[in-house]
Amino acid sequence: MAQVMCFILAAGKGTRMKSGYPKVLHRVCGRPMLWHVINAVQGAGIEKFWTVIGYGGDLVREEMDGVAAVSGWVEQKEQLGTGHAVRVALEEISERDEFTLIVYGDTPLLRPVTLKGLIENHITYDYELSILTAVLDNPKGYGRIIRDKAGSIIGIVEEKDSTADQREIREINTGIYCVKTAWLEDAVKNLTNDNAQGEFYLTDIVGLICSGGGKVGGFSVSDVKEIEGVNDRVDLACAQEIMERRICEDLMKAGVTMYHPGSLYVEVGISIGKDSVVYPNCSFVGSVRVGENCFIHSGCYLRNAYIGDNTRVGVGSYLDDVSVPANSNIPPFSVVKG
């Protein structure tokens, strides 16, 4: 998708994580949250993207070295808000594409198909700005999408500033945008920090583009879990659970039997062949490949392991950095290390 570039905003400290590490480096299914976001951006067909870093920027670069090799880095030295982050990014880069996608580094559940849908809808309807929206049963705490009688978006109102009628609106702003780059540049130049936090808010570009005559549209995410950001360790655990469920469901649909998938710990990159059976309370860590017609019994721990076809791994076994040939039988409670 050569005509679209992307900014990934990942400069925040994440105070509520209560951690010395940058929030975007906390892991979901074995990979940093930022890795998942980059994976979604690349999966949507975007080749040029820049990650805006700030707190712990050197750690972020080091952790993502190689993983994010195609991404450029922009440093936001002062944490003056999301609008300021985009302004800094636009000032730092020399390249320009017609459209800019803006996402956040703490939304690991985003899917490529959602970002692709947002971009395609934006281009098809020739919007100046498109907002990824979501319809929630309980929209408390979110900014509400305000539409006119014709259904066009005319603004966003934060809950603290909303009327009783506006609080009844269930369509919310996720903060993820696709914008015509020329309009984005004009809008961020005109942002002000006249608010209690003294920050430049990216959400204010909606009003600026509307008032400038730009057409603003929305694209609703089909699965609201995708847009849930991670702000604390509770959110992190929820994201882990959702991602694990996705991975297990994909494996089961491909022919793997899991009797209690909710009891498993799995990481990105697991591969299990068809007609294999996985019993409860197993952990699959790192790069794990299990062949066809295998039985992984309860309580097993597999890390960086290759299991050949037609193999049984007995209950409670510990396999670390090993390659097990086909037609093997690992006795219960075995410890095998490479």
C-alpha atoms as a PDB file:
ATOM      1  CA  MET A   1       0.000   0.000   0.000  1.00  0.00           C
ATOM      2  CA  ALA A   2       2.547   2.498  -1.294  1.00  0.00           C
ATOM      3  CA  GLN A   3       0.330   5.579  -1.067  1.00  0.00           C
ATOM      4  CA  VAL A   4      -0.187   5.237   2.697  1.00  0.00           C
ATOM      5  CA  MET A   5       2.393   5.882   5.391  1.00  0.00           C
ATOM      6  CA  CYS A   6       1.895   5.294   9.100  1.00  0.00           C
ATOM      7  CA  PHE A   7       2.863   6.751  12.454  1.00  0.00           C
ATOM      8  CA  ILE A   8       2.841   4.421  15.472  1.00  0.00           C
ATOM      9  CA  LEU A   9       2.643   6.459  18.671  1.00  0.00           C
ATOM     10  CA  ALA A  10       4.690   4.706  21.352  1.00  0.00           C
ATOM     11  CA  ALA A  11       6.325   7.454  23.402  1.00  0.00           C
ATOM     12  CA  GLY A  12       4.363   7.172  26.638  1.00  0.00           C
ATOM     13  CA  LYS A  13       5.721   5.859  29.904  1.00  0.00           C
ATOM     14  CA  GLY A  14       2.585   3.987  30.930  1.00  0.00           C
ATOM     15  CA  THR A  15       2.523   5.080  34.564  1.00  0.00           C
ATOM     16  CA  ARG A  16      -0.315   2.734  35.473  1.00  0.00           C
ATOM     17  CA  MET A  17       1.793  -0.284  34.498  1.00  0.00           C
ATOM     18  CA  LYS A  18       3.904   0.444  37.614  1.00  0.00           C
ATOM     19  CA  SER A  19       7.023  -0.580  35.707  1.00  0.00           C
ATOM     20  CA  GLY A  20      10.510   0.661  34.937  1.00  0.00           C
ATOM     21  CA  TYR A  21      10.080  -0.476  31.339  1.00  0.00           C
ATOM     22  CA  PRO A  22       8.266   1.351  28.529  1.00  0.00           C
ATOM     23  CA  LYS A  23       4.675   0.194  28.289  1.00  0.00           C
ATOM     24  CA  VAL A  24       4.923  -0.951  24.667  1.00  0.00           C
ATOM     25  CA  LEU A  25       7.608  -3.505  25.579  1.00  0.00           C
ATOM     26  CA  HIS A  26       5.354  -5.489  27.885  1.00  0.00           C
ATOM     27  CA  ARG A  27       4.616  -8.806  26.244  1.00  0.00           C
ATOM     28  CA  VAL A  28       1.460 -10.426  24.946  1.00  0.00           C
ATOM     29  CA  CYS A  29       1.865 -14.069  23.899  1.00  0.00           C
ATOM     30  CA  GLY A  30       5.630 -13.762  24.006  1.00  0.00           C
ATOM     31  CA  ARG A  31       6.032 -10.618  21.895  1.00  0.00           C
ATOM     32  CA  PRO A  32       6.140  -6.922  22.873  1.00  0.00           C
ATOM     33  CA  MET A  33       2.883  -5.065  22.338  1.00  0.00           C
ATOM     34  CA  LEU A  34       4.645  -2.875  19.791  1.00  0.00           C
ATOM     35  CA  TRP A  35       5.586  -5.976  17.781  1.00  0.00           C
ATOM     36  CA  HIS A  36       1.903  -6.881  17.423  1.00  0.00           C
ATOM     37  CA  VAL A  37       1.017  -3.379  16.239  1.00  0.00           C
ATOM     38  CA  ILE A  38       3.851  -3.373  13.693  1.00  0.00           C
ATOM     39  CA  ASN A  39       2.686  -6.789  12.525  1.00  0.00           C
ATOM     40  CA  ALA A  40      -0.835  -5.409  11.980  1.00  0.00           C
ATOM     41  CA  VAL A  41       0.467  -2.382  10.078  1.00  0.00           C
ATOM     42  CA  GLN A  42       2.642  -4.511   7.825  1.00  0.00           C
ATOM     43  CA  GLY A  43      -0.179  -7.006   7.388  1.00  0.00           C
ATOM     44  CA  ALA A  44      -2.346  -4.170   6.090  1.00  0.00           C
ATOM     45  CA  GLY A  45       0.174  -3.663   3.308  1.00  0.00           C
ATOM     46  CA  ILE A  46       1.904  -0.541   4.639  1.00  0.00           C
ATOM     47  CA  GLU A  47       5.601  -0.489   3.853  1.00  0.00           C
ATOM     48  CA  LYS A  48       6.638   2.917   5.238  1.00  0.00           C
ATOM     49  CA  PHE A  49       5.990   3.594   8.885  1.00  0.00           C
ATOM     50  CA  TRP A  50       7.668   5.444  11.705  1.00  0.00           C
ATOM     51  CA  THR A  51       7.474   4.660  15.410  1.00  0.00           C
ATOM     52  CA  VAL A  52       7.414   7.683  17.711  1.00  0.00           C
ATOM     53  CA  ILE A  53       9.350   6.887  20.873  1.00  0.00           C
ATOM     54  CA  GLY A  54      10.035   8.860  24.025  1.00  0.00           C
ATOM     55  CA  TYR A  55      10.290   7.306  27.478  1.00  0.00           C
ATOM     56  CA  GLY A  56      12.822   4.486  27.391  1.00  0.00           C
ATOM     57  CA  GLY A  57      13.396   5.028  23.693  1.00  0.00           C
ATOM     58  CA  ASP A  58      16.785   3.317  23.693  1.00  0.00           C
ATOM     59  CA  LEU A  59      15.267   0.228  25.288  1.00  0.00           C
ATOM     60  CA  VAL A  60      12.503   0.178  22.693  1.00  0.00           C
ATOM     61  CA  ARG A  61      15.016   0.387  19.850  1.00  0.00           C
ATOM     62  CA  GLU A  62      17.173  -2.362  21.366  1.00  0.00           C
ATOM     63  CA  GLU A  63      14.237  -4.701  21.993  1.00  0.00           C
ATOM     64  CA  MET A  64      12.775  -4.194  18.544  1.00  0.00           C
ATOM     65  CA  ASP A  65      16.101  -4.295  16.687  1.00  0.00           C
ATOM     66  CA  GLY A  66      15.659  -6.561  13.713  1.00  0.00           C
ATOM     67  CA  VAL A  67      11.971  -7.063  14.399  1.00  0.00           C
ATOM     68  CA  ALA A  68      11.194  -3.506  13.335  1.00  0.00           C
ATOM     69  CA  ALA A  69      14.066  -3.054  10.919  1.00  0.00           C
ATOM     70  CA  VAL A  70      11.872  -1.540   8.217  1.00  0.00           C
ATOM     71  CA  SER A  71      10.475   1.056  10.603  1.00  0.00           C
ATOM     72  CA  GLY A  72      12.014   4.456  11.088  1.00  0.00           C
ATOM     73  CA  TRP A  73      12.277   5.999  14.530  1.00  0.00           C
ATOM     74  CA  VAL A  74      11.202   9.468  15.628  1.00  0.00           C
ATOM     75  CA  GLU A  75      12.034  10.751  19.095  1.00  0.00           C
ATOM     76  CA  GLN A  76       9.496  12.849  20.974  1.00  0.00           C
ATOM     77  CA  LYS A  77      11.801  14.427  23.528  1.00  0.00           C
ATOM     78  CA  GLU A  78       9.035  16.275  25.369  1.00  0.00           C
ATOM     79  CA  GLN A  79       5.846  14.414  26.230  1.00  0.00           C
ATOM     80  CA  LEU A  80       3.375  17.071  25.150  1.00  0.00           C
ATOM     81  CA  GLY A  81       0.527  14.913  23.922  1.00  0.00           C
ATOM     82  CA  THR A  82      -0.473  12.798  20.946  1.00  0.00           C
ATOM     83  CA  GLY A  83      -0.988  15.789  18.670  1.00  0.00           C
ATOM     84  CA  HIS A  84       2.524  16.966  19.466  1.00  0.00           C
ATOM     85  CA  ALA A  85       3.862  13.463  18.699  1.00  0.00           C
ATOM     86  CA  VAL A  86       2.377  13.584  15.195  1.00  0.00           C
ATOM     87  CA  ARG A  87       3.657  17.130  14.668  1.00  0.00           C
ATOM     88  CA  VAL A  88       7.188  16.039  15.631  1.00  0.00           C
ATOM     89  CA  ALA A  89       6.964  13.049  13.310  1.00  0.00           C
ATOM     90  CA  LEU A  90       5.881  15.169  10.356  1.00  0.00           C
ATOM     91  CA  GLU A  91       8.706  17.617  11.034  1.00  0.00           C
ATOM     92  CA  GLU A  92      11.294  14.836  11.231  1.00  0.00           C
ATOM     93  CA  ILE A  93      10.524  12.883   8.088  1.00  0.00           C
ATOM     94  CA  SER A  94      11.267  14.083   4.579  1.00  0.00           C
ATOM     95  CA  GLU A  95       9.003  11.623   2.757  1.00  0.00           C
ATOM     96  CA  ARG A  96       5.307  12.151   2.205  1.00  0.00           C
ATOM     97  CA  ASP A  97       2.562   9.848   0.993  1.00  0.00           C
ATOM     98  CA  GLU A  98      -0.920  11.003   0.138  1.00  0.00           C
ATOM     99  CA  PHE A  99      -2.475   9.362   3.199  1.00  0.00           C
ATOM    100  CA  THR A 100      -1.330   8.874   6.795  1.00  0.00           C
ATOM    101  CA  LEU A 101      -2.519   6.159   9.157  1.00  0.00           C
ATOM    102  CA  ILE A 102      -2.132   6.863  12.888  1.00  0.00           C
ATOM    103  CA  VAL A 103      -2.189   4.016  15.414  1.00  0.00           C
ATOM    104  CA  TYR A 104      -0.971   3.392  18.958  1.00  0.00           C
ATOM    105  CA  GLY A 105       1.740   1.077  20.229  1.00  0.00           C
ATOM    106  CA  ASP A 106      -0.366  -0.201  23.135  1.00  0.00           C
ATOM    107  CA  THR A 107      -3.178  -1.771  21.052  1.00  0.00           C
ATOM    108  CA  PRO A 108      -1.786  -5.282  20.439  1.00  0.00           C
ATOM    109  CA  LEU A 109      -5.132  -6.796  19.439  1.00  0.00           C
ATOM    110  CA  LEU A 110      -5.554  -4.750  16.257  1.00  0.00           C
ATOM    111  CA  ARG A 111      -5.960  -6.893  13.145  1.00  0.00           C
ATOM    112  CA  PRO A 112      -4.544  -6.105   9.705  1.00  0.00           C
ATOM    113  CA  VAL A 113      -7.968  -6.576   8.095  1.00  0.00           C
ATOM    114  CA  THR A 114      -9.395  -3.778  10.238  1.00  0.00           C
ATOM    115  CA  LEU A 115      -6.681  -1.297   9.288  1.00  0.00           C
ATOM    116  CA  LYS A 116      -6.984  -2.283   5.645  1.00  0.00           C
ATOM    117  CA  GLY A 117     -10.748  -1.780   5.796  1.00  0.00           C
ATOM    118  CA  LEU A 118     -10.338   1.666   7.345  1.00  0.00           C
ATOM    119  CA  ILE A 119      -7.886   2.733   4.632  1.00  0.00           C
ATOM    120  CA  GLU A 120      -9.918   1.342   1.749  1.00  0.00           C
ATOM    121  CA  ASN A 121     -13.110   2.966   3.038  1.00  0.00           C
ATOM    122  CA  HIS A 122     -11.257   6.274   3.451  1.00  0.00           C
ATOM    123  CA  ILE A 123      -9.990   6.223  -0.125  1.00  0.00           C
ATOM    124  CA  THR A 124     -13.262   4.986  -1.636  1.00  0.00           C
ATOM    125  CA  TYR A 125     -15.357   7.772  -0.110  1.00  0.00           C
ATOM    126  CA  ASP A 126     -12.658  10.416  -0.536  1.00  0.00           C
ATOM    127  CA  TYR A 127     -12.711  11.553   3.081  1.00  0.00           C
ATOM    128  CA  GLU A 128     -10.209  14.086   4.359  1.00  0.00           C
ATOM    129  CA  LEU A 129     -10.251  12.273   7.701  1.00  0.00           C
ATOM    130  CA  SER A 130     -11.526   8.827   8.666  1.00  0.00           C
ATOM    131  CA  ILE A 131     -12.007   7.693  12.236  1.00  0.00           C
ATOM    132  CA  LEU A 132     -11.989   4.084  13.332  1.00  0.00           C
ATOM    133  CA  THR A 133     -15.066   3.963  15.538  1.00  0.00           C
ATOM    134  CA  ALA A 134     -16.648   1.317  17.738  1.00  0.00           C
ATOM    135  CA  VAL A 135     -20.152   0.793  19.054  1.00  0.00           C
ATOM    136  CA  LEU A 136     -20.094  -0.188  22.721  1.00  0.00           C
ATOM    137  CA  ASP A 137     -22.838  -1.385  25.032  1.00  0.00           C
ATOM    138  CA  ASN A 138     -21.205   0.698  27.760  1.00  0.00           C
ATOM    139  CA  PRO A 139     -19.352   3.665  26.234  1.00  0.00           C
ATOM    140  CA  LYS A 140     -18.552   5.266  29.590  1.00  0.00           C
ATOM    141  CA  GLY A 141     -15.232   7.091  29.581  1.00  0.00           C
ATOM    142  CA  TYR A 142     -14.905   7.370  25.805  1.00  0.00           C
ATOM    143  CA  GLY A 143     -15.268  10.346  23.510  1.00  0.00           C
ATOM    144  CA  ARG A 144     -18.559  10.166  21.594  1.00  0.00           C
ATOM    145  CA  ILE A 145     -18.894  10.505  17.823  1.00  0.00           C
ATOM    146  CA  ILE A 146     -21.221  13.366  16.904  1.00  0.00           C
ATOM    147  CA  ARG A 147     -23.024  13.104  13.573  1.00  0.00           C
ATOM    148  CA  ASP A 148     -25.396  15.468  11.787  1.00  0.00           C
ATOM    149  CA  LYS A 149     -28.850  14.483  10.490  1.00  0.00           C
ATOM    150  CA  ALA A 150     -27.291  13.240   7.251  1.00  0.00           C
ATOM    151  CA  GLY A 151     -25.017  10.889   9.195  1.00  0.00           C
ATOM    152  CA  SER A 152     -21.796  12.801   8.587  1.00  0.00           C
ATOM    153  CA  ILE A 153     -19.334  13.115  11.462  1.00  0.00           C
ATOM    154  CA  ILE A 154     -19.092  16.692  12.658  1.00  0.00           C
ATOM    155  CA  GLY A 155     -17.076  16.255  15.834  1.00  0.00           C
ATOM    156  CA  ILE A 156     -16.078  14.315  18.919  1.00  0.00           C
ATOM    157  CA  VAL A 157     -17.176  15.263  22.408  1.00  0.00           C
ATOM    158  CA  GLU A 158     -15.340  13.967  25.442  1.00  0.00           C
ATOM    159  CA  GLU A 159     -17.546  12.495  28.145  1.00  0.00           C
ATOM    160  CA  LYS A 160     -16.675  15.164  30.692  1.00  0.00           C
ATOM    161  CA  ASP A 161     -17.882  17.817  28.254  1.00  0.00           C
ATOM    162  CA  SER A 162     -20.965  15.953  26.997  1.00  0.00           C
ATOM    163  CA  THR A 163     -24.644  16.587  27.581  1.00  0.00           C
ATOM    164  CA  ALA A 164     -27.023  13.955  28.910  1.00  0.00           C
ATOM    165  CA  ASP A 165     -28.232  13.215  25.360  1.00  0.00           C
ATOM    166  CA  GLN A 166     -24.690  12.934  24.042  1.00  0.00           C
ATOM    167  CA  ARG A 167     -23.809  10.445  26.774  1.00  0.00           C
ATOM    168  CA  GLU A 168     -26.490   8.165  25.329  1.00  0.00           C
ATOM    169  CA  ILE A 169     -24.477   7.877  22.101  1.00  0.00           C
ATOM    170  CA  ARG A 170     -22.842   4.454  21.871  1.00  0.00           C
ATOM    171  CA  GLU A 171     -20.471   5.132  18.973  1.00  0.00           C
ATOM    172  CA  ILE A 172     -17.045   6.073  20.294  1.00  0.00           C
ATOM    173  CA  ASN A 173     -13.726   7.356  19.009  1.00  0.00           C
ATOM    174  CA  THR A 174     -10.892   4.818  19.126  1.00  0.00           C
ATOM    175  CA  GLY A 175      -8.205   7.434  18.356  1.00  0.00           C
ATOM    176  CA  ILE A 176      -7.078   5.573  15.230  1.00  0.00           C
ATOM    177  CA  TYR A 177      -7.229   7.721  12.105  1.00  0.00           C
ATOM    178  CA  CYS A 178      -6.547   7.724   8.391  1.00  0.00           C
ATOM    179  CA  VAL A 179      -5.991  11.254   7.098  1.00  0.00           C
ATOM    180  CA  LYS A 180      -5.054  12.988   3.893  1.00  0.00           C
ATOM    181  CA  THR A 181      -1.512  14.006   4.773  1.00  0.00           C
ATOM    182  CA  ALA A 182      -1.822  17.603   3.569  1.00  0.00           C
ATOM    183  CA  TRP A 183      -4.868  18.109   5.792  1.00  0.00           C
ATOM    184  CA  LEU A 184      -3.102  16.456   8.719  1.00  0.00           C
ATOM    185  CA  GLU A 185      -0.136  18.802   8.419  1.00  0.00           C
ATOM    186  CA  ASP A 186      -2.381  21.866   8.462  1.00  0.00           C
ATOM    187  CA  ALA A 187      -4.404  20.555  11.380  1.00  0.00           C
ATOM    188  CA  VAL A 188      -1.498  19.694  13.698  1.00  0.00           C
ATOM    189  CA  LYS A 189       0.088  23.084  13.041  1.00  0.00           C
ATOM    190  CA  ASN A 190      -3.068  24.690  14.405  1.00  0.00           C
ATOM    191  CA  LEU A 191      -3.412  22.567  17.541  1.00  0.00           C
ATOM    192  CA  THR A 192      -3.321  24.419  20.847  1.00  0.00           C
ATOM    193  CA  ASN A 193      -2.583  23.210  24.345  1.00  0.00           C
ATOM    194  CA  ASP A 194      -5.246  25.321  26.015  1.00  0.00           C
ATOM    195  CA  ASN A 195      -6.397  22.622  28.410  1.00  0.00           C
ATOM    196  CA  ALA A 196      -5.832  21.482  31.979  1.00  0.00           C
ATOM    197  CA  GLN A 197      -2.998  19.132  30.990  1.00  0.00           C
ATOM    198  CA  GLY A 198      -1.248  21.661  28.747  1.00  0.00           C
ATOM    199  CA  GLU A 199      -1.000  19.043  25.986  1.00  0.00           C
ATOM    200  CA  PHE A 200      -1.701  19.003  22.260  1.00  0.00           C
ATOM    201  CA  TYR A 201      -4.486  16.481  21.681  1.00  0.00           C
ATOM    202  CA  LEU A 202      -4.715  14.616  18.394  1.00  0.00           C
ATOM    203  CA  THR A 203      -8.494  14.362  18.793  1.00  0.00           C
ATOM    204  CA  ASP A 204      -8.697  18.113  18.180  1.00  0.00           C
ATOM    205  CA  ILE A 205      -7.818  17.588  14.511  1.00  0.00           C
ATOM    206  CA  VAL A 206     -11.382  16.333  13.972  1.00  0.00           C
ATOM    207  CA  GLY A 207     -12.906  19.717  14.787  1.00  0.00           C
ATOM    208  CA  LEU A 208     -10.206  21.564  12.859  1.00  0.00           C
ATOM    209  CA  ILE A 209     -10.715  19.508   9.717  1.00  0.00           C
ATOM    210  CA  CYS A 210     -14.501  19.772   9.980  1.00  0.00           C
ATOM    211  CA  SER A 211     -14.366  23.536  10.436  1.00  0.00           C
ATOM    212  CA  GLY A 212     -12.006  23.767   7.461  1.00  0.00           C
ATOM    213  CA  GLY A 213     -14.571  22.130   5.200  1.00  0.00           C
ATOM    214  CA  GLY A 214     -13.081  18.661   5.210  1.00  0.00           C
ATOM    215  CA  LYS A 215     -15.286  15.603   4.938  1.00  0.00           C
ATOM    216  CA  VAL A 216     -14.982  13.305   7.947  1.00  0.00           C
ATOM    217  CA  GLY A 217     -16.127   9.686   7.881  1.00  0.00           C
ATOM    218  CA  GLY A 218     -16.167   6.702  10.163  1.00  0.00           C
ATOM    219  CA  PHE A 219     -15.342   3.035   9.799  1.00  0.00           C
ATOM    220  CA  SER A 220     -16.684   0.811  12.566  1.00  0.00           C
ATOM    221  CA  VAL A 221     -14.535  -2.017  13.902  1.00  0.00           C
ATOM    222  CA  SER A 222     -16.368  -5.350  13.849  1.00  0.00           C
ATOM    223  CA  ASP A 223     -14.760  -6.725  17.020  1.00  0.00           C
ATOM    224  CA  VAL A 224     -14.542  -4.084  19.740  1.00  0.00           C
ATOM    225  CA  LYS A 225     -11.853  -6.065  21.565  1.00  0.00           C
ATOM    226  CA  GLU A 226      -9.386  -5.026  18.869  1.00  0.00           C
ATOM    227  CA  ILE A 227      -9.311  -1.419  20.004  1.00  0.00           C
ATOM    228  CA  GLU A 228      -8.851  -2.060  23.706  1.00  0.00           C
ATOM    229  CA  GLY A 229      -5.618  -0.413  24.780  1.00  0.00           C
ATOM    230  CA  VAL A 230      -3.401  -1.777  27.546  1.00  0.00           C
ATOM    231  CA  ASN A 231      -3.014   0.666  30.415  1.00  0.00           C
ATOM    232  CA  ASP A 232      -2.227  -1.587  33.380  1.00  0.00           C
ATOM    233  CA  ARG A 233      -1.414  -5.178  34.263  1.00  0.00           C
ATOM    234  CA  VAL A 234      -5.090  -6.133  34.363  1.00  0.00           C
ATOM    235  CA  ASP A 235      -5.495  -4.945  30.756  1.00  0.00           C
ATOM    236  CA  LEU A 236      -2.320  -6.837  29.862  1.00  0.00           C
ATOM    237  CA  ALA A 237      -3.758 -10.088  31.238  1.00  0.00           C
ATOM    238  CA  CYS A 238      -7.000  -9.523  29.306  1.00  0.00           C
ATOM    239  CA  ALA A 239      -5.068  -8.947  26.079  1.00  0.00           C
ATOM    240  CA  GLN A 240      -3.061 -12.120  26.708  1.00  0.00           C
ATOM    241  CA  GLU A 241      -6.244 -14.130  27.181  1.00  0.00           C
ATOM    242  CA  ILE A 242      -7.830 -12.795  23.992  1.00  0.00           C
ATOM    243  CA  MET A 243      -4.698 -13.388  21.935  1.00  0.00           C
ATOM    244  CA  GLU A 244      -4.334 -16.924  23.301  1.00  0.00           C
ATOM    245  CA  ARG A 245      -7.947 -17.632  22.372  1.00  0.00           C
ATOM    246  CA  ARG A 246      -7.314 -16.429  18.809  1.00  0.00           C
ATOM    247  CA  ILE A 247      -4.251 -18.633  18.445  1.00  0.00           C
ATOM    248  CA  CYS A 248      -6.002 -21.703  19.860  1.00  0.00           C
ATOM    249  CA  GLU A 249      -9.104 -21.179  17.724  1.00  0.00           C
ATOM    250  CA  ASP A 250      -6.962 -20.976  14.590  1.00  0.00           C
ATOM    251  CA  LEU A 251      -5.250 -24.244  15.536  1.00  0.00           C
ATOM    252  CA  MET A 252      -8.520 -26.000  16.313  1.00  0.00           C
ATOM    253  CA  LYS A 253     -10.021 -24.872  13.001  1.00  0.00           C
ATOM    254  CA  ALA A 254      -6.937 -26.343  11.308  1.00  0.00           C
ATOM    255  CA  GLY A 255      -7.591 -29.777  12.807  1.00  0.00           C
ATOM    256  CA  VAL A 256      -6.066 -29.759  16.309  1.00  0.00           C
ATOM    257  CA  THR A 257      -8.046 -31.061  19.286  1.00  0.00           C
ATOM    258  CA  MET A 258      -7.819 -29.020  22.483  1.00  0.00           C
ATOM    259  CA  TYR A 259      -9.984 -30.268  25.303  1.00  0.00           C
ATOM    260  CA  HIS A 260      -9.601 -27.169  27.471  1.00  0.00           C
ATOM    261  CA  PRO A 261      -7.991 -24.387  25.403  1.00  0.00           C
ATOM    262  CA  GLY A 262      -8.592 -21.807  28.099  1.00  0.00           C
ATOM    263  CA  SER A 263      -6.123 -23.615  30.358  1.00  0.00           C
ATOM    264  CA  LEU A 264      -3.225 -23.391  27.892  1.00  0.00           C
ATOM    265  CA  TYR A 265      -0.415 -20.858  27.728  1.00  0.00           C
ATOM    266  CA  VAL A 266       0.611 -20.241  24.115  1.00  0.00           C
ATOM    267  CA  GLU A 267       2.860 -17.766  22.342  1.00  0.00           C
ATOM    268  CA  VAL A 268       3.033 -16.404  18.829  1.00  0.00           C
ATOM    269  CA  GLY A 269       4.621 -18.840  16.407  1.00  0.00           C
ATOM    270  CA  ILE A 270       3.247 -22.116  17.740  1.00  0.00           C
ATOM    271  CA  SER A 271       2.549 -24.734  15.061  1.00  0.00           C
ATOM    272  CA  ILE A 272       0.618 -27.969  15.636  1.00  0.00           C
ATOM    273  CA  GLY A 273      -0.255 -30.499  12.953  1.00  0.00           C
ATOM    274  CA  LYS A 274      -3.707 -31.892  12.263  1.00  0.00           C
ATOM    275  CA  ASP A 275      -5.132 -34.753  14.329  1.00  0.00           C
ATOM    276  CA  SER A 276      -2.861 -33.871  17.245  1.00  0.00           C
ATOM    277  CA  VAL A 277      -4.399 -33.659  20.708  1.00  0.00           C
ATOM    278  CA  VAL A 278      -3.423 -31.200  23.432  1.00  0.00           C
ATOM    279  CA  TYR A 279      -4.647 -31.880  26.953  1.00  0.00           C
ATOM    280  CA  PRO A 280      -5.197 -29.167  29.621  1.00  0.00           C
ATOM    281  CA  ASN A 281      -2.648 -27.058  31.480  1.00  0.00           C
ATOM    282  CA  CYS A 282       0.186 -27.153  28.950  1.00  0.00           C
ATOM    283  CA  SER A 283       2.587 -24.315  28.117  1.00  0.00           C
ATOM    284  CA  PHE A 284       4.055 -23.621  24.686  1.00  0.00           C
ATOM    285  CA  VAL A 285       6.860 -21.075  24.927  1.00  0.00           C
ATOM    286  CA  GLY A 286       8.970 -19.612  22.151  1.00  0.00           C
ATOM    287  CA  SER A 287       9.197 -21.460  18.853  1.00  0.00           C
ATOM    288  CA  VAL A 288       7.251 -24.711  19.203  1.00  0.00           C
ATOM    289  CA  ARG A 289       6.422 -27.054  16.308  1.00  0.00           C
ATOM    290  CA  VAL A 290       4.353 -30.145  16.942  1.00  0.00           C
ATOM    291  CA  GLY A 291       3.777 -32.596  14.116  1.00  0.00           C
ATOM    292  CA  GLU A 292       0.652 -34.472  13.067  1.00  0.00           C
ATOM    293  CA  ASN A 293      -1.114 -37.132  15.151  1.00  0.00           C
ATOM    294  CA  CYS A 294       0.746 -36.229  18.352  1.00  0.00           C
ATOM    295  CA  PHE A 295      -0.529 -36.374  21.923  1.00  0.00           C
ATOM    296  CA  ILE A 296       0.658 -33.705  24.377  1.00  0.00           C
ATOM    297  CA  HIS A 297      -0.626 -34.790  27.762  1.00  0.00           C
ATOM    298  CA  SER A 298      -1.613 -32.580  30.684  1.00  0.00           C
ATOM    299  CA  GLY A 299       0.855 -30.314  32.424  1.00  0.00           C
ATOM    300  CA  CYS A 300       3.607 -30.364  29.795  1.00  0.00           C
ATOM    301  CA  TYR A 301       6.018 -27.476  29.269  1.00  0.00           C
ATOM    302  CA  LEU A 302       7.500 -27.127  25.785  1.00  0.00           C
ATOM    303  CA  ARG A 303       9.991 -24.386  24.974  1.00  0.00           C
ATOM    304  CA  ASN A 304      11.711 -24.009  21.578  1.00  0.00           C
ATOM    305  CA  ALA A 305      10.854 -27.625  20.843  1.00  0.00           C
ATOM    306  CA  TYR A 306      10.254 -29.651  17.689  1.00  0.00           C
ATOM    307  CA  ILE A 307       8.040 -32.713  18.095  1.00  0.00           C
ATOM    308  CA  GLY A 308       7.947 -35.158  15.176  1.00  0.00           C
ATOM    309  CA  ASP A 309       4.782 -36.821  13.878  1.00  0.00           C
ATOM    310  CA  ASN A 310       3.058 -39.628  15.804  1.00  0.00           C
ATOM    311  CA  THR A 311       4.746 -38.740  19.103  1.00  0.00           C
ATOM    312  CA  ARG A 312       3.337 -38.969  22.613  1.00  0.00           C
ATOM    313  CA  VAL A 313       4.603 -36.619  25.309  1.00  0.00           C
ATOM    314  CA  GLY A 314       3.720 -37.961  28.740  1.00  0.00           C
ATOM    315  CA  VAL A 315       1.978 -36.005  31.448  1.00  0.00           C
ATOM    316  CA  GLY A 316       4.033 -33.360  33.263  1.00  0.00           C
ATOM    317  CA  SER A 317       7.019 -33.501  30.914  1.00  0.00           C
ATOM    318  CA  TYR A 318       9.506 -30.638  30.497  1.00  0.00           C
ATOM    319  CA  LEU A 319      11.076 -30.234  27.051  1.00  0.00           C
ATOM    320  CA  ASP A 320      13.456 -27.318  26.532  1.00  0.00           C
ATOM    321  CA  ASP A 321      15.300 -26.588  23.274  1.00  0.00           C
ATOM    322  CA  VAL A 322      14.988 -30.109  21.925  1.00  0.00           C
ATOM    323  CA  SER A 323      14.110 -31.933  18.723  1.00  0.00           C
ATOM    324  CA  VAL A 324      12.122 -35.129  19.210  1.00  0.00           C
ATOM    325  CA  PRO A 325      12.046 -37.521  16.223  1.00  0.00           C
ATOM    326  CA  ALA A 326       8.821 -38.916  14.815  1.00  0.00           C
ATOM    327  CA  ASN A 327       7.190 -41.971  16.429  1.00  0.00           C
ATOM    328  CA  SER A 328       8.709 -41.226  19.849  1.00  0.00           C
ATOM    329  CA  ASN A 329       7.213 -41.894  23.270  1.00  0.00           C
ATOM    330  CA  ILE A 330       8.294 -39.455  26.008  1.00  0.00           C
ATOM    331  CA  PRO A 331       7.544 -41.004  29.425  1.00  0.00           C
ATOM    332  CA  PRO A 332       5.540 -39.039  32.001  1.00  0.00           C
ATOM    333  CA  PHE A 333       7.420 -36.407  34.028  1.00  0.00           C
ATOM    334  CA  SER A 334      10.452 -36.475  31.739  1.00  0.00           C
ATOM    335  CA  VAL A 335      12.952 -33.607  31.722  1.00  0.00           C
ATOM    336  CA  VAL A 336      14.673 -33.262  28.357  1.00  0.00           C
ATOM    337  CA  LYS A 337      16.971 -30.301  27.651  1.00  0.00           C
ATOM    338  CA  GLY A 338      18.944 -29.477  24.542  1.00  0.00           C
END
